[in-house]
Structures are given as C-alpha cells and as structure tokens.
Amino acid sequence: MNKIWLFGAAICMILSLGSCKPKQSAYKAAYEQAKAKETTAPVETVTQPASEEATPVSKPRTSNVSTRAERINAAEGEDAGMLKRYSVVIGSFKNKTNAYSLKERMQKAGYNPVLGENEQGMLRVIVTSFDDKADAADSRDAIKAKFAPNFQDAWLLERK
C-alpha cells in the first residue's frame, strides 16, 4: 500500500514540475514583436514654411524626470571629479564584489563608470554624470535602449 502511495506521489510531482514552462520565451517573443513594430512604423515629417521674419529662439532644456537626492561621495580609489550634480545609476550594491563586477562590465562596453558611496554604505554604479538634468535623462534613456532589457530600472541620482 505504501509503495502505491509513493508511486502516486512521484507521478504527481513529475507531472506538476513537467508542466511548468519558463516564461522567458513569452517575454522575449513580446519584446521582439514590439521591436518589429517600432522599426516598421512609418515616420512622418512635418515641414513648416520658412518665414523671413522668424528668428530661431532656443528654449532652455528642462526636464521633469524624477530624481533621488542623496549625499554621495566617490568610493575609495575612485575619481571624485567624475561625479557631477545628476548621475545615471544602473546598480546599487552592499557587496563590493558585485559593484566592481558591474563597473568592469560597463568599462568593457566603452563607458567610464565610477562607484559612489552613500551615507548608508550602498555602492552606486554610476555610468554617466552631468550638470544638466535633461542631459542626464537623455543619457539614462539611451542606456536603457542600448542594454535592453538589462538596465530598465536605471535611475537619476541628484547629488546633495
């Protein structure tokens, strides 16, 4: 009788584990479908008639992107001159090995990342840093697009 119960439990376990399929392929298919739509969408260009009286007026760039303000300093052995007011953060770690590993990965990708440390001891992997908030937001968006889907949670840090 115990053998029958054991055999039945083993069959149930095999069936339950065998029916689980990874969802990564579904996400990948949706991502590739969205990418295909993005590249095949027609681009409309709007031309405005030239006016002799019109003079180009440059607007100051502003950005309403949310930032997180922290007191941050360059980690030990890092160049503090690289940290400006607005920085693009792609990773936060308590573990120094993980932070340095991501920093090396970004160096191999052609960036000049710097590690910053906040008051709580978290190491922030900063890929780019700017004095202008709009430039930082543009850089964050470019990094998200270039490394999709890896750094979709990249965020802006405002240095106090």
N, C-alpha and C. Protein backbone atom coordinates (compact mmCIF):
# COMPACT_ATOMS: atom_id res chain seq x y z
N MET A 1 0.82 -1.19 0.00
CA MET A 1 0.00 0.00 0.00
C MET A 1 0.87 1.27 0.00
N ASN A 2 1.96 1.24 0.82
CA ASN A 2 2.85 2.40 0.86
C ASN A 2 3.55 2.61 -0.47
N LYS A 3 3.85 1.54 -1.17
CA LYS A 3 4.50 1.66 -2.47
C LYS A 3 3.58 2.34 -3.47
N ILE A 4 2.29 2.04 -3.38
CA ILE A 4 1.33 2.67 -4.29
C ILE A 4 1.25 4.17 -4.02
N TRP A 5 1.20 4.56 -2.74
CA TRP A 5 1.15 5.98 -2.38
C TRP A 5 2.43 6.70 -2.83
N LEU A 6 3.56 6.04 -2.61
CA LEU A 6 4.83 6.63 -3.00
C LEU A 6 4.92 6.79 -4.52
N PHE A 7 4.47 5.75 -5.24
CA PHE A 7 4.46 5.81 -6.70
C PHE A 7 3.53 6.91 -7.19
N GLY A 8 2.35 7.03 -6.60
CA GLY A 8 1.38 8.07 -6.98
C GLY A 8 1.92 9.47 -6.71
N ALA A 9 2.58 9.66 -5.56
CA ALA A 9 3.16 10.96 -5.22
C ALA A 9 4.27 11.32 -6.21
N ALA A 10 5.08 10.34 -6.59
CA ALA A 10 6.15 10.59 -7.55
C ALA A 10 5.59 10.99 -8.91
N ILE A 11 4.53 10.32 -9.36
CA ILE A 11 3.89 10.67 -10.64
C ILE A 11 3.34 12.08 -10.58
N CYS A 12 2.64 12.43 -9.49
CA CYS A 12 2.08 13.79 -9.34
C CYS A 12 3.18 14.85 -9.37
N MET A 13 4.30 14.57 -8.71
CA MET A 13 5.40 15.53 -8.67
C MET A 13 6.00 15.72 -10.06
N ILE A 14 6.17 14.62 -10.78
CA ILE A 14 6.74 14.70 -12.12
C ILE A 14 5.81 15.49 -13.04
N LEU A 15 4.52 15.24 -12.94
CA LEU A 15 3.56 15.97 -13.78
C LEU A 15 3.51 17.45 -13.43
N SER A 16 3.55 17.76 -12.14
CA SER A 16 3.47 19.18 -11.75
C SER A 16 4.73 19.94 -12.15
N LEU A 17 5.90 19.32 -12.01
CA LEU A 17 7.13 20.00 -12.40
C LEU A 17 7.30 20.03 -13.92
N GLY A 18 6.80 19.04 -14.59
CA GLY A 18 6.91 19.00 -16.05
C GLY A 18 6.01 19.98 -16.74
N SER A 19 4.95 20.42 -16.07
CA SER A 19 4.01 21.34 -16.71
C SER A 19 4.44 22.79 -16.59
N CYS A 20 5.44 23.07 -15.79
CA CYS A 20 5.93 24.44 -15.64
C CYS A 20 6.86 24.77 -16.80
N LYS A 21 6.50 25.76 -17.55
CA LYS A 21 7.34 26.19 -18.67
C LYS A 21 7.92 27.56 -18.33
N PRO A 22 9.15 27.81 -18.71
CA PRO A 22 9.71 29.13 -18.44
C PRO A 22 8.98 30.20 -19.25
N LYS A 23 8.75 31.34 -18.63
CA LYS A 23 8.02 32.42 -19.28
C LYS A 23 8.94 33.35 -20.04
N GLN A 24 10.23 33.09 -19.97
CA GLN A 24 11.18 33.96 -20.65
C GLN A 24 10.92 34.00 -22.16
N SER A 25 10.55 32.87 -22.73
CA SER A 25 10.32 32.84 -24.17
C SER A 25 9.11 33.70 -24.55
N ALA A 26 8.09 33.73 -23.70
CA ALA A 26 6.93 34.58 -23.97
C ALA A 26 7.31 36.05 -23.90
N TYR A 27 8.13 36.41 -22.91
CA TYR A 27 8.57 37.79 -22.79
C TYR A 27 9.45 38.18 -23.97
N LYS A 28 10.31 37.26 -24.37
CA LYS A 28 11.21 37.54 -25.49
C LYS A 28 10.42 37.71 -26.79
N ALA A 29 9.40 36.87 -26.98
CA ALA A 29 8.58 36.99 -28.19
C ALA A 29 7.84 38.33 -28.21
N ALA A 30 7.30 38.75 -27.06
CA ALA A 30 6.60 40.04 -27.00
C ALA A 30 7.57 41.19 -27.26
N TYR A 31 8.78 41.09 -26.71
CA TYR A 31 9.78 42.14 -26.92
C TYR A 31 10.16 42.24 -28.39
N GLU A 32 10.39 41.11 -29.03
CA GLU A 32 10.77 41.11 -30.44
C GLU A 32 9.63 41.61 -31.32
N GLN A 33 8.39 41.29 -30.95
CA GLN A 33 7.24 41.77 -31.70
C GLN A 33 7.13 43.29 -31.59
N ALA A 34 7.34 43.82 -30.39
CA ALA A 34 7.29 45.27 -30.20
C ALA A 34 8.43 45.95 -30.96
N LYS A 35 9.61 45.35 -30.96
CA LYS A 35 10.74 45.90 -31.70
C LYS A 35 10.45 45.95 -33.18
N ALA A 36 9.79 44.88 -33.70
CA ALA A 36 9.46 44.84 -35.13
C ALA A 36 8.46 45.93 -35.48
N LYS A 37 7.48 46.15 -34.62
CA LYS A 37 6.50 47.22 -34.87
C LYS A 37 7.18 48.57 -34.85
N GLU A 38 8.12 48.74 -33.93
CA GLU A 38 8.83 50.01 -33.79
C GLU A 38 9.63 50.33 -35.05
N THR A 39 10.27 49.34 -35.63
CA THR A 39 11.12 49.60 -36.79
C THR A 39 10.32 49.72 -38.08
N THR A 40 9.10 49.16 -38.11
CA THR A 40 8.31 49.24 -39.34
C THR A 40 7.30 50.38 -39.32
N ALA A 41 7.18 51.09 -38.20
CA ALA A 41 6.23 52.20 -38.13
C ALA A 41 6.68 53.33 -39.04
N PRO A 42 5.75 53.90 -39.84
CA PRO A 42 6.13 55.00 -40.73
C PRO A 42 6.45 56.26 -39.93
N VAL A 43 7.42 56.97 -40.41
CA VAL A 43 7.84 58.20 -39.77
C VAL A 43 7.29 59.38 -40.56
N GLU A 44 6.58 60.25 -39.86
CA GLU A 44 6.02 61.43 -40.52
C GLU A 44 6.94 62.62 -40.27
N THR A 45 7.18 63.38 -41.31
CA THR A 45 7.96 64.59 -41.15
C THR A 45 7.06 65.78 -41.43
N VAL A 46 7.18 66.76 -40.60
CA VAL A 46 6.37 67.96 -40.74
C VAL A 46 7.30 69.10 -41.11
N THR A 47 6.98 69.76 -42.19
CA THR A 47 7.79 70.91 -42.60
C THR A 47 6.95 72.16 -42.43
N GLN A 48 7.59 73.17 -41.92
CA GLN A 48 6.92 74.44 -41.74
C GLN A 48 7.45 75.41 -42.78
N PRO A 49 6.55 76.25 -43.29
CA PRO A 49 7.02 77.22 -44.27
C PRO A 49 8.02 78.19 -43.63
N ALA A 50 9.03 78.52 -44.41
CA ALA A 50 10.06 79.43 -43.91
C ALA A 50 9.52 80.85 -43.91
N SER A 51 9.77 81.52 -42.83
CA SER A 51 9.33 82.91 -42.70
C SER A 51 10.57 83.79 -42.57
N GLU A 52 10.55 84.89 -43.29
CA GLU A 52 11.71 85.78 -43.26
C GLU A 52 11.82 86.50 -41.92
N GLU A 53 10.68 86.73 -41.27
CA GLU A 53 10.68 87.48 -40.02
C GLU A 53 10.99 86.59 -38.82
N ALA A 54 10.86 85.30 -38.99
CA ALA A 54 11.05 84.39 -37.85
C ALA A 54 12.53 84.28 -37.51
N THR A 55 12.83 84.37 -36.26
CA THR A 55 14.19 84.18 -35.79
C THR A 55 14.20 82.98 -34.86
N PRO A 56 15.20 82.16 -34.97
CA PRO A 56 15.24 80.98 -34.11
C PRO A 56 15.42 81.38 -32.65
N VAL A 57 14.61 80.81 -31.81
CA VAL A 57 14.68 81.07 -30.38
C VAL A 57 15.01 79.74 -29.70
N SER A 58 16.08 79.73 -28.99
CA SER A 58 16.44 78.49 -28.31
C SER A 58 15.84 78.50 -26.90
N LYS A 59 15.09 77.45 -26.63
CA LYS A 59 14.49 77.31 -25.31
C LYS A 59 15.47 76.60 -24.40
N PRO A 60 15.49 77.00 -23.16
CA PRO A 60 16.32 76.23 -22.23
C PRO A 60 15.69 74.86 -22.03
N ARG A 61 16.52 73.85 -22.03
CA ARG A 61 16.01 72.50 -21.86
C ARG A 61 15.66 72.28 -20.40
N THR A 62 14.48 71.78 -20.20
CA THR A 62 14.05 71.44 -18.85
C THR A 62 13.59 70.00 -18.83
N SER A 63 13.61 69.42 -17.68
CA SER A 63 13.20 68.03 -17.55
C SER A 63 12.41 67.87 -16.26
N ASN A 64 11.32 67.15 -16.35
CA ASN A 64 10.53 66.90 -15.15
C ASN A 64 10.69 65.44 -14.70
N VAL A 65 11.81 64.84 -15.08
CA VAL A 65 12.10 63.46 -14.70
C VAL A 65 12.38 63.44 -13.20
N SER A 66 11.87 62.43 -12.53
CA SER A 66 12.08 62.34 -11.08
C SER A 66 13.51 61.89 -10.78
N THR A 67 14.04 62.42 -9.72
CA THR A 67 15.38 62.07 -9.27
C THR A 67 15.32 61.67 -7.81
N ARG A 68 16.39 61.07 -7.36
CA ARG A 68 16.51 60.72 -5.95
C ARG A 68 17.72 61.47 -5.43
N ALA A 69 17.52 62.29 -4.41
CA ALA A 69 18.61 63.10 -3.88
C ALA A 69 19.31 62.37 -2.74
N GLU A 70 20.64 62.30 -2.81
CA GLU A 70 21.45 61.66 -1.78
C GLU A 70 22.77 62.39 -1.64
N ARG A 71 23.34 62.28 -0.46
CA ARG A 71 24.72 62.72 -0.27
C ARG A 71 25.57 61.53 -0.69
N ILE A 72 26.36 61.75 -1.70
CA ILE A 72 27.17 60.66 -2.24
C ILE A 72 28.58 61.15 -2.48
N ASN A 73 29.53 60.29 -2.17
CA ASN A 73 30.94 60.58 -2.40
C ASN A 73 31.53 59.46 -3.22
N ALA A 74 32.62 59.73 -3.87
CA ALA A 74 33.29 58.69 -4.65
C ALA A 74 33.80 57.62 -3.69
N ALA A 75 33.64 56.38 -4.08
CA ALA A 75 34.12 55.27 -3.26
C ALA A 75 35.64 55.31 -3.22
N GLU A 76 36.22 54.56 -2.31
CA GLU A 76 37.67 54.54 -2.15
C GLU A 76 38.35 54.12 -3.45
N GLY A 77 39.29 54.94 -3.89
CA GLY A 77 40.04 54.65 -5.11
C GLY A 77 39.37 55.17 -6.38
N GLU A 78 38.25 55.85 -6.27
CA GLU A 78 37.53 56.38 -7.43
C GLU A 78 37.81 57.87 -7.60
N ASP A 79 37.62 58.37 -8.81
CA ASP A 79 37.84 59.78 -9.14
C ASP A 79 36.61 60.60 -8.78
N ALA A 80 36.72 61.43 -7.76
CA ALA A 80 35.59 62.25 -7.30
C ALA A 80 35.22 63.32 -8.32
N GLY A 81 36.13 63.69 -9.21
CA GLY A 81 35.86 64.69 -10.23
C GLY A 81 34.85 64.22 -11.27
N MET A 82 34.62 62.92 -11.33
CA MET A 82 33.67 62.35 -12.29
C MET A 82 32.22 62.56 -11.85
N LEU A 83 31.99 62.82 -10.57
CA LEU A 83 30.63 62.97 -10.06
C LEU A 83 30.16 64.41 -10.18
N LYS A 84 29.12 64.60 -10.96
CA LYS A 84 28.53 65.91 -11.11
C LYS A 84 27.19 65.93 -10.39
N ARG A 85 26.35 66.90 -10.66
CA ARG A 85 25.10 67.04 -9.90
C ARG A 85 24.11 65.91 -10.19
N TYR A 86 23.93 65.52 -11.47
CA TYR A 86 22.98 64.48 -11.84
C TYR A 86 23.73 63.28 -12.42
N SER A 87 23.46 62.11 -11.89
CA SER A 87 24.15 60.90 -12.32
C SER A 87 23.17 59.81 -12.70
N VAL A 88 23.55 58.98 -13.66
CA VAL A 88 22.74 57.83 -14.08
C VAL A 88 23.26 56.61 -13.33
N VAL A 89 22.41 56.04 -12.49
CA VAL A 89 22.77 54.88 -11.68
C VAL A 89 22.15 53.64 -12.30
N ILE A 90 22.97 52.61 -12.53
CA ILE A 90 22.45 51.37 -13.10
C ILE A 90 22.46 50.22 -12.11
N GLY A 91 23.08 50.42 -10.95
CA GLY A 91 23.11 49.35 -9.95
C GLY A 91 23.49 49.88 -8.58
N SER A 92 22.91 49.26 -7.54
CA SER A 92 23.21 49.61 -6.15
C SER A 92 23.52 48.33 -5.40
N PHE A 93 24.63 48.32 -4.69
CA PHE A 93 25.08 47.10 -4.04
C PHE A 93 25.63 47.36 -2.65
N LYS A 94 25.43 46.43 -1.75
CA LYS A 94 26.13 46.41 -0.46
C LYS A 94 27.43 45.64 -0.64
N ASN A 95 27.40 44.66 -1.53
CA ASN A 95 28.54 43.79 -1.77
C ASN A 95 29.50 44.48 -2.76
N LYS A 96 30.72 44.73 -2.33
CA LYS A 96 31.70 45.43 -3.17
C LYS A 96 32.06 44.62 -4.41
N THR A 97 32.10 43.30 -4.29
CA THR A 97 32.46 42.46 -5.43
C THR A 97 31.45 42.63 -6.56
N ASN A 98 30.17 42.66 -6.23
CA ASN A 98 29.14 42.84 -7.25
C ASN A 98 29.24 44.21 -7.91
N ALA A 99 29.50 45.23 -7.12
CA ALA A 99 29.62 46.59 -7.66
C ALA A 99 30.81 46.69 -8.61
N TYR A 100 31.95 46.16 -8.21
CA TYR A 100 33.14 46.22 -9.06
C TYR A 100 32.96 45.37 -10.32
N SER A 101 32.24 44.28 -10.20
CA SER A 101 31.97 43.42 -11.36
C SER A 101 31.15 44.17 -12.42
N LEU A 102 30.10 44.88 -11.98
CA LEU A 102 29.28 45.65 -12.91
C LEU A 102 30.08 46.82 -13.48
N LYS A 103 30.92 47.42 -12.67
CA LYS A 103 31.76 48.51 -13.16
C LYS A 103 32.68 48.02 -14.28
N GLU A 104 33.30 46.87 -14.09
CA GLU A 104 34.19 46.31 -15.11
C GLU A 104 33.41 45.98 -16.39
N ARG A 105 32.22 45.47 -16.22
CA ARG A 105 31.38 45.14 -17.39
C ARG A 105 31.09 46.39 -18.21
N MET A 106 30.79 47.50 -17.53
CA MET A 106 30.50 48.74 -18.24
C MET A 106 31.76 49.35 -18.86
N GLN A 107 32.92 49.14 -18.23
CA GLN A 107 34.17 49.60 -18.82
C GLN A 107 34.43 48.86 -20.13
N LYS A 108 34.14 47.57 -20.15
CA LYS A 108 34.33 46.79 -21.37
C LYS A 108 33.35 47.23 -22.46
N ALA A 109 32.21 47.81 -22.06
CA ALA A 109 31.22 48.29 -23.02
C ALA A 109 31.56 49.69 -23.53
N GLY A 110 32.66 50.28 -23.03
CA GLY A 110 33.10 51.58 -23.54
C GLY A 110 32.74 52.77 -22.67
N TYR A 111 32.21 52.53 -21.49
CA TYR A 111 31.87 53.63 -20.58
C TYR A 111 33.00 53.84 -19.59
N ASN A 112 32.93 54.96 -18.88
CA ASN A 112 33.90 55.26 -17.84
C ASN A 112 33.13 55.38 -16.52
N PRO A 113 32.68 54.24 -15.96
CA PRO A 113 31.85 54.30 -14.76
C PRO A 113 32.65 54.64 -13.51
N VAL A 114 31.94 55.10 -12.51
CA VAL A 114 32.56 55.42 -11.22
C VAL A 114 31.64 54.87 -10.13
N LEU A 115 32.23 54.45 -9.03
CA LEU A 115 31.44 53.96 -7.90
C LEU A 115 31.29 55.08 -6.89
N GLY A 116 30.06 55.32 -6.48
CA GLY A 116 29.79 56.29 -5.45
C GLY A 116 29.23 55.58 -4.24
N GLU A 117 29.50 56.12 -3.06
CA GLU A 117 29.02 55.51 -1.83
C GLU A 117 28.17 56.52 -1.07
N ASN A 118 26.95 56.09 -0.68
CA ASN A 118 26.08 57.00 0.07
C ASN A 118 26.32 56.83 1.56
N GLU A 119 25.55 57.55 2.37
CA GLU A 119 25.75 57.55 3.81
C GLU A 119 25.42 56.21 4.46
N GLN A 120 24.59 55.40 3.81
CA GLN A 120 24.23 54.09 4.36
C GLN A 120 25.22 53.00 3.94
N GLY A 121 26.21 53.34 3.13
CA GLY A 121 27.21 52.38 2.71
C GLY A 121 26.88 51.65 1.42
N MET A 122 25.81 52.07 0.75
CA MET A 122 25.45 51.45 -0.53
C MET A 122 26.39 51.97 -1.62
N LEU A 123 26.88 51.05 -2.44
CA LEU A 123 27.72 51.43 -3.58
C LEU A 123 26.84 51.60 -4.80
N ARG A 124 26.87 52.78 -5.39
CA ARG A 124 26.09 53.09 -6.59
C ARG A 124 27.03 53.01 -7.80
N VAL A 125 26.63 52.24 -8.80
CA VAL A 125 27.40 52.15 -10.04
C VAL A 125 26.87 53.24 -10.97
N ILE A 126 27.66 54.28 -11.15
CA ILE A 126 27.28 55.46 -11.92
C ILE A 126 27.98 55.38 -13.28
N VAL A 127 27.16 55.38 -14.34
CA VAL A 127 27.72 55.24 -15.68
C VAL A 127 28.09 56.59 -16.26
N THR A 128 27.20 57.55 -16.13
CA THR A 128 27.47 58.90 -16.65
C THR A 128 27.01 59.92 -15.62
N SER A 129 27.56 61.11 -15.69
CA SER A 129 27.23 62.16 -14.74
C SER A 129 27.23 63.51 -15.47
N PHE A 130 26.24 64.34 -15.16
CA PHE A 130 26.05 65.62 -15.87
C PHE A 130 25.69 66.73 -14.88
N ASP A 131 25.90 67.96 -15.32
CA ASP A 131 25.44 69.11 -14.55
C ASP A 131 24.00 69.45 -14.89
N ASP A 132 23.53 69.02 -16.06
CA ASP A 132 22.19 69.32 -16.54
C ASP A 132 21.28 68.09 -16.39
N LYS A 133 20.11 68.29 -15.81
CA LYS A 133 19.17 67.19 -15.57
C LYS A 133 18.65 66.59 -16.87
N ALA A 134 18.38 67.41 -17.87
CA ALA A 134 17.85 66.92 -19.14
C ALA A 134 18.89 66.04 -19.85
N ASP A 135 20.16 66.42 -19.79
CA ASP A 135 21.21 65.60 -20.39
C ASP A 135 21.32 64.25 -19.69
N ALA A 136 21.19 64.27 -18.37
CA ALA A 136 21.24 63.02 -17.61
C ALA A 136 20.07 62.12 -17.97
N ALA A 137 18.88 62.70 -18.13
CA ALA A 137 17.70 61.91 -18.50
C ALA A 137 17.87 61.31 -19.90
N ASP A 138 18.43 62.09 -20.83
CA ASP A 138 18.69 61.57 -22.18
C ASP A 138 19.69 60.41 -22.14
N SER A 139 20.72 60.54 -21.33
CA SER A 139 21.72 59.50 -21.21
C SER A 139 21.11 58.23 -20.59
N ARG A 140 20.28 58.40 -19.58
CA ARG A 140 19.61 57.26 -18.96
C ARG A 140 18.75 56.51 -19.98
N ASP A 141 18.00 57.27 -20.77
CA ASP A 141 17.14 56.65 -21.79
C ASP A 141 17.96 55.92 -22.84
N ALA A 142 19.09 56.50 -23.22
CA ALA A 142 19.96 55.85 -24.21
C ALA A 142 20.54 54.55 -23.66
N ILE A 143 20.92 54.54 -22.39
CA ILE A 143 21.46 53.33 -21.77
C ILE A 143 20.39 52.26 -21.68
N LYS A 144 19.17 52.67 -21.32
CA LYS A 144 18.06 51.71 -21.26
C LYS A 144 17.82 51.08 -22.63
N ALA A 145 17.88 51.89 -23.68
CA ALA A 145 17.63 51.39 -25.03
C ALA A 145 18.78 50.50 -25.50
N LYS A 146 20.00 50.89 -25.21
CA LYS A 146 21.16 50.13 -25.69
C LYS A 146 21.28 48.78 -25.00
N PHE A 147 21.00 48.72 -23.71
CA PHE A 147 21.20 47.49 -22.96
C PHE A 147 19.89 46.77 -22.62
N ALA A 148 18.80 47.10 -23.34
CA ALA A 148 17.50 46.47 -23.05
C ALA A 148 17.62 44.97 -23.16
N PRO A 149 17.04 44.24 -22.29
CA PRO A 149 16.17 44.60 -21.17
C PRO A 149 16.93 44.69 -19.85
N ASN A 150 18.25 44.75 -19.86
CA ASN A 150 19.02 44.66 -18.62
C ASN A 150 18.88 45.83 -17.66
N PHE A 151 19.02 47.05 -18.10
CA PHE A 151 19.04 48.19 -17.18
C PHE A 151 17.77 49.03 -17.28
N GLN A 152 16.62 48.41 -17.32
CA GLN A 152 15.36 49.14 -17.42
C GLN A 152 15.02 49.88 -16.12
N ASP A 153 15.70 49.54 -15.04
CA ASP A 153 15.45 50.23 -13.79
C ASP A 153 16.52 51.28 -13.47
N ALA A 154 17.26 51.70 -14.48
CA ALA A 154 18.25 52.76 -14.29
C ALA A 154 17.53 54.03 -13.82
N TRP A 155 18.18 54.79 -12.94
CA TRP A 155 17.52 55.96 -12.36
C TRP A 155 18.52 57.11 -12.23
N LEU A 156 17.96 58.30 -11.94
CA LEU A 156 18.78 59.51 -11.81
C LEU A 156 19.00 59.84 -10.34
N LEU A 157 20.24 60.09 -10.02
CA LEU A 157 20.64 60.47 -8.67
C LEU A 157 21.03 61.94 -8.68
N GLU A 158 20.42 62.71 -7.80
CA GLU A 158 20.79 64.12 -7.66
C GLU A 158 21.68 64.24 -6.44
N ARG A 159 22.86 64.74 -6.66
CA ARG A 159 23.84 64.85 -5.59
C ARG A 159 23.53 66.06 -4.71
N LYS A 160 23.44 65.83 -3.42
CA LYS A 160 23.18 66.94 -2.47
C LYS A 160 24.45 67.68 -2.19
